[in-house]
Amino acid sequence: MTRRLSILLVEDHTGIAHQVLDFLDGLQWQTDHAATGALGVQLATQNSYDVVLLDLNLPDMDGLQVCRAIKAGAPSNVPVLVLTARDAYEDKARGFRDGADDYLTKPFDLREVALRCEALARRRQLHVRQEMRVGAVTLLTREGRALYRDVALPLTQTGFNILLLLCREHPHAVSRSALLQHLWGSQPPDSDALKSHIYALRRQLDLAGGAGVLVTIPQLGYRLAFDAEGGDGG
């Protein structure tokens, strides 16, 4: 796998967290860290990650409770890889029943952590349809093309990537920080490039008859305004 992965590590042990984060940073992966279960749930439900690495022994919440909350609240079905010292069969069975996608006991080889992350992300991508329909928008993901009511939208690659994330997370809003991470990782442009790309995407939707489809949510981000039946919002 050549693309960089976006990883959330939920781990309260400072030494282990530093080891994992340093190793993944060395792979040029994008990483966030939460030292508590509550922060882990918050980050996982507000941002888009390829994989969540989850310790079970957290100071404020049981890790399995965190796993259930992430699976219930995350805008996309993010894979959860449990990293824990609990190595009994009963613990593993409970973890899988509560939504864990994979299980790795401590001590672990960091190279194996990376391999398992790649496998989980790859498996997740296999379930992503090559044609995605949200409301009146159709994305041909393999071709990198977007249509609005079967009319082609002349988008830049960045505009397509923005629309792709908005469609994946629909009907949820996507935060500005999540879009910045999705587009540019940990090194976003200095200028307000995101605002310019949003303006261009909104203009193309407007010209195709989709006025009002791309909505700005104050203090949060952006979302696509389609009703439950798939028509235009409003």
Protein backbone atom coordinates (compact mmCIF):
# COMPACT_ATOMS: atom_id res chain seq x y z
CA MET A 1 0.00 0.00 0.00
CA THR A 2 1.53 3.29 -1.10
CA ARG A 3 -0.86 5.86 0.30
CA ARG A 4 -0.40 7.31 3.75
CA LEU A 5 -2.88 6.09 6.33
CA SER A 6 -4.67 8.24 8.87
CA ILE A 7 -4.48 6.64 12.31
CA LEU A 8 -6.03 7.47 15.68
CA LEU A 9 -4.17 5.99 18.66
CA VAL A 10 -6.15 5.76 21.91
CA GLU A 11 -3.53 4.90 24.53
CA ASP A 12 -2.88 6.36 28.00
CA HIS A 13 0.59 4.86 28.55
CA THR A 14 2.96 7.66 27.55
CA GLY A 15 5.91 5.43 26.67
CA ILE A 16 3.90 3.07 24.46
CA ALA A 17 2.12 5.99 22.80
CA HIS A 18 5.41 7.68 21.92
CA GLN A 19 6.84 4.45 20.48
CA VAL A 20 3.80 3.81 18.29
CA LEU A 21 3.44 7.42 17.15
CA ASP A 22 7.15 7.78 16.36
CA PHE A 23 7.11 4.56 14.32
CA LEU A 24 3.99 5.54 12.35
CA ASP A 25 5.28 9.08 11.82
CA GLY A 26 8.40 7.47 10.36
CA LEU A 27 6.14 5.85 7.76
CA GLN A 28 4.79 9.33 7.02
CA TRP A 29 1.34 8.31 8.21
CA GLN A 30 -1.00 10.89 9.69
CA THR A 31 -1.53 10.28 13.41
CA ASP A 32 -3.71 11.67 16.18
CA HIS A 33 -3.43 10.63 19.82
CA ALA A 34 -5.96 10.46 22.65
CA ALA A 35 -4.87 9.58 26.19
CA THR A 36 -8.46 9.08 27.41
CA GLY A 37 -11.43 7.15 26.13
CA ALA A 38 -13.63 10.23 26.05
CA LEU A 39 -11.20 12.11 23.81
CA GLY A 40 -10.81 9.04 21.62
CA VAL A 41 -14.57 8.83 21.06
CA GLN A 42 -14.71 12.57 20.35
CA LEU A 43 -11.93 12.45 17.76
CA ALA A 44 -13.21 9.26 16.11
CA THR A 45 -16.72 10.65 15.72
CA GLN A 46 -15.62 14.07 14.44
CA ASN A 47 -12.84 13.05 12.03
CA SER A 48 -12.25 10.44 9.36
CA TYR A 49 -9.56 7.80 10.04
CA ASP A 50 -8.43 4.70 8.21
CA VAL A 51 -7.86 2.75 11.45
CA VAL A 52 -8.28 3.30 15.20
CA LEU A 53 -5.66 1.69 17.47
CA LEU A 54 -7.36 1.16 20.83
CA ASP A 55 -5.95 0.23 24.22
CA LEU A 56 -8.49 -1.41 26.53
CA ASN A 57 -7.08 -0.23 29.88
CA LEU A 58 -7.91 3.47 29.85
CA PRO A 59 -8.16 5.77 32.89
CA ASP A 60 -11.72 7.02 32.36
CA MET A 61 -13.58 4.36 30.35
CA ASP A 62 -13.28 0.67 29.62
CA GLY A 63 -11.82 0.20 26.15
CA LEU A 64 -14.68 -2.00 25.03
CA GLN A 65 -17.10 0.77 25.93
CA VAL A 66 -14.98 3.10 23.79
CA CYS A 67 -15.06 0.59 20.94
CA ARG A 68 -18.86 0.39 21.08
CA ALA A 69 -19.17 4.18 21.14
CA ILE A 70 -16.85 4.59 18.15
CA LYS A 71 -18.70 1.95 16.14
CA ALA A 72 -22.05 3.56 16.98
CA GLY A 73 -21.04 7.18 16.44
CA ALA A 74 -18.28 7.37 13.84
CA PRO A 75 -19.55 8.82 10.54
CA SER A 76 -17.92 5.95 8.62
CA ASN A 77 -17.33 2.36 9.68
CA VAL A 78 -13.72 2.81 10.78
CA PRO A 79 -11.83 -0.42 11.61
CA VAL A 80 -10.71 -0.80 15.24
CA LEU A 81 -7.50 -2.68 16.07
CA VAL A 82 -7.34 -3.47 19.78
CA LEU A 83 -3.88 -3.30 21.40
CA THR A 84 -3.98 -4.77 24.89
CA ALA A 85 -2.33 -6.93 27.53
CA ARG A 86 -5.59 -8.89 27.92
CA ASP A 87 -4.66 -12.10 26.14
CA ALA A 88 -7.26 -14.58 27.42
CA TYR A 89 -9.65 -16.12 24.89
CA GLU A 90 -12.63 -14.68 26.76
CA ASP A 91 -11.18 -11.17 26.48
CA LYS A 92 -10.61 -11.56 22.75
CA ALA A 93 -14.10 -12.98 22.22
CA ARG A 94 -15.63 -10.07 24.14
CA GLY A 95 -13.59 -7.61 22.08
CA PHE A 96 -14.77 -9.02 18.77
CA ARG A 97 -18.37 -9.12 19.99
CA ASP A 98 -18.13 -5.44 20.92
CA GLY A 99 -17.03 -4.43 17.43
CA ALA A 100 -13.25 -4.88 17.30
CA ASP A 101 -12.00 -5.76 13.82
CA ASP A 102 -8.64 -7.14 14.92
CA TYR A 103 -6.80 -7.90 18.16
CA LEU A 104 -3.10 -7.68 18.99
CA THR A 105 -1.69 -8.44 22.44
CA LYS A 106 1.14 -6.60 24.15
CA PRO A 107 4.08 -6.70 23.78
CA PHE A 108 3.78 -6.34 20.02
CA ASP A 109 6.08 -5.74 17.08
CA LEU A 110 5.46 -2.27 15.64
CA ARG A 111 6.01 -3.64 12.15
CA GLU A 112 3.11 -6.02 12.71
CA VAL A 113 0.94 -3.12 13.90
CA ALA A 114 1.64 -1.37 10.58
CA LEU A 115 0.93 -4.52 8.56
CA ARG A 116 -2.37 -5.06 10.31
CA CYS A 117 -3.35 -1.41 9.80
CA GLU A 118 -2.64 -1.75 6.08
CA ALA A 119 -4.69 -4.95 5.88
CA LEU A 120 -7.65 -3.39 7.70
CA ALA A 121 -7.56 -0.26 5.54
CA ARG A 122 -7.28 -2.36 2.37
CA ARG A 123 -10.19 -4.57 3.43
CA ARG A 124 -12.26 -1.48 4.11
CA GLN A 125 -11.49 -0.07 0.66
CA LEU A 126 -12.72 -3.28 -0.97
CA HIS A 127 -16.16 -2.53 0.45
CA VAL A 128 -16.24 0.98 -0.98
CA ARG A 129 -18.41 0.94 -4.08
CA GLN A 130 -16.81 2.11 -7.31
CA GLU A 131 -20.00 4.07 -8.01
CA MET A 132 -21.40 6.10 -5.15
CA ARG A 133 -24.76 7.85 -5.24
CA VAL A 134 -25.81 10.45 -2.68
CA GLY A 135 -28.92 12.40 -3.56
CA ALA A 136 -28.48 13.75 -7.07
CA VAL A 137 -24.69 13.33 -6.97
CA THR A 138 -23.01 10.33 -8.57
CA LEU A 139 -19.32 9.67 -8.04
CA LEU A 140 -17.46 7.32 -10.37
CA THR A 141 -14.61 6.69 -7.98
CA ARG A 142 -12.42 4.57 -10.25
CA GLU A 143 -12.62 7.19 -13.01
CA GLY A 144 -12.43 10.17 -10.66
CA ARG A 145 -15.54 11.76 -12.21
CA ALA A 146 -18.56 13.39 -10.60
CA LEU A 147 -22.07 13.91 -11.99
CA TYR A 148 -24.99 16.01 -10.80
CA ARG A 149 -28.30 14.75 -12.21
CA ASP A 150 -26.22 12.90 -14.82
CA VAL A 151 -24.46 16.12 -15.89
CA ALA A 152 -20.67 15.95 -15.60
CA LEU A 153 -19.10 18.34 -13.07
CA PRO A 154 -15.77 19.76 -14.33
CA LEU A 155 -13.95 19.43 -11.01
CA THR A 156 -10.30 19.61 -10.12
CA GLN A 157 -8.83 16.60 -8.30
CA THR A 158 -9.09 18.52 -5.04
CA GLY A 159 -12.71 19.41 -5.72
CA PHE A 160 -13.47 15.75 -6.44
CA ASN A 161 -11.75 14.68 -3.21
CA ILE A 162 -13.80 17.18 -1.20
CA LEU A 163 -17.03 15.93 -2.77
CA LEU A 164 -15.98 12.33 -2.19
CA LEU A 165 -15.50 12.89 1.55
CA LEU A 166 -18.77 14.84 1.83
CA CYS A 167 -20.58 11.97 0.12
CA ARG A 168 -18.93 9.33 2.31
CA GLU A 169 -19.92 11.13 5.49
CA HIS A 170 -23.44 12.16 4.38
CA PRO A 171 -25.74 13.00 6.13
CA HIS A 172 -23.17 14.11 8.72
CA ALA A 173 -21.28 17.36 8.43
CA VAL A 174 -17.54 17.21 7.79
CA SER A 175 -15.40 19.49 9.91
CA ARG A 176 -12.95 21.90 8.35
CA SER A 177 -10.10 20.14 10.17
CA ALA A 178 -11.18 16.75 8.76
CA LEU A 179 -11.20 18.16 5.24
CA LEU A 180 -7.76 19.71 5.71
CA GLN A 181 -6.39 16.39 6.94
CA HIS A 182 -8.09 14.47 4.13
CA LEU A 183 -6.68 16.77 1.45
CA TRP A 184 -3.23 17.72 2.68
CA GLY A 185 -2.42 15.63 5.74
CA SER A 186 -0.34 17.36 8.38
CA GLN A 187 0.95 20.05 5.99
CA PRO A 188 -1.99 22.14 4.74
CA PRO A 189 -1.25 25.17 2.53
CA ASP A 190 -0.53 28.46 4.27
CA SER A 191 -3.25 30.30 2.37
CA ASP A 192 -6.95 29.64 2.84
CA ALA A 193 -6.93 27.17 -0.03
CA LEU A 194 -9.82 25.12 1.36
CA LYS A 195 -12.20 28.07 1.16
CA SER A 196 -11.24 28.62 -2.48
CA HIS A 197 -11.81 24.96 -3.35
CA ILE A 198 -15.17 24.94 -1.55
CA TYR A 199 -16.20 28.05 -3.49
CA ALA A 200 -15.23 26.43 -6.79
CA LEU A 201 -17.08 23.19 -5.94
CA ARG A 202 -20.19 25.10 -4.87
CA ARG A 203 -20.11 27.12 -8.10
CA GLN A 204 -19.96 23.97 -10.24
CA LEU A 205 -22.88 22.46 -8.34
CA ASP A 206 -24.85 25.70 -8.72
CA LEU A 207 -24.20 25.81 -12.48
CA ALA A 208 -25.43 22.19 -12.78
CA GLY A 209 -28.68 23.06 -10.97
CA GLY A 210 -27.62 22.12 -7.48
CA ALA A 211 -27.95 25.53 -5.82
CA GLY A 212 -28.00 25.11 -2.04
CA VAL A 213 -26.69 21.53 -2.08
CA LEU A 214 -23.32 22.34 -0.50
CA VAL A 215 -24.13 23.88 2.88
CA THR A 216 -21.80 25.66 5.29
CA ILE A 217 -22.42 24.77 8.95
CA PRO A 218 -21.16 27.71 11.08
CA GLN A 219 -18.38 26.81 13.52
CA LEU A 220 -18.31 23.24 12.20
CA GLY A 221 -17.76 22.63 8.50
CA TYR A 222 -19.77 21.55 5.47
CA ARG A 223 -22.39 19.02 4.47
CA LEU A 224 -24.49 17.98 1.50
CA ALA A 225 -28.15 18.91 1.90
CA PHE A 226 -30.11 15.98 0.53
CA ASP A 227 -33.24 14.66 2.20
CA ALA A 228 -33.72 11.06 3.32
CA GLU A 229 -35.31 10.08 0.01
CA GLY A 230 -32.28 11.23 -1.92
CA GLY A 231 -33.67 14.47 -3.37
CA ASP A 232 -32.30 17.95 -2.99
CA GLY A 233 -32.63 19.45 0.44
CA GLY A 234 -35.03 22.36 0.77
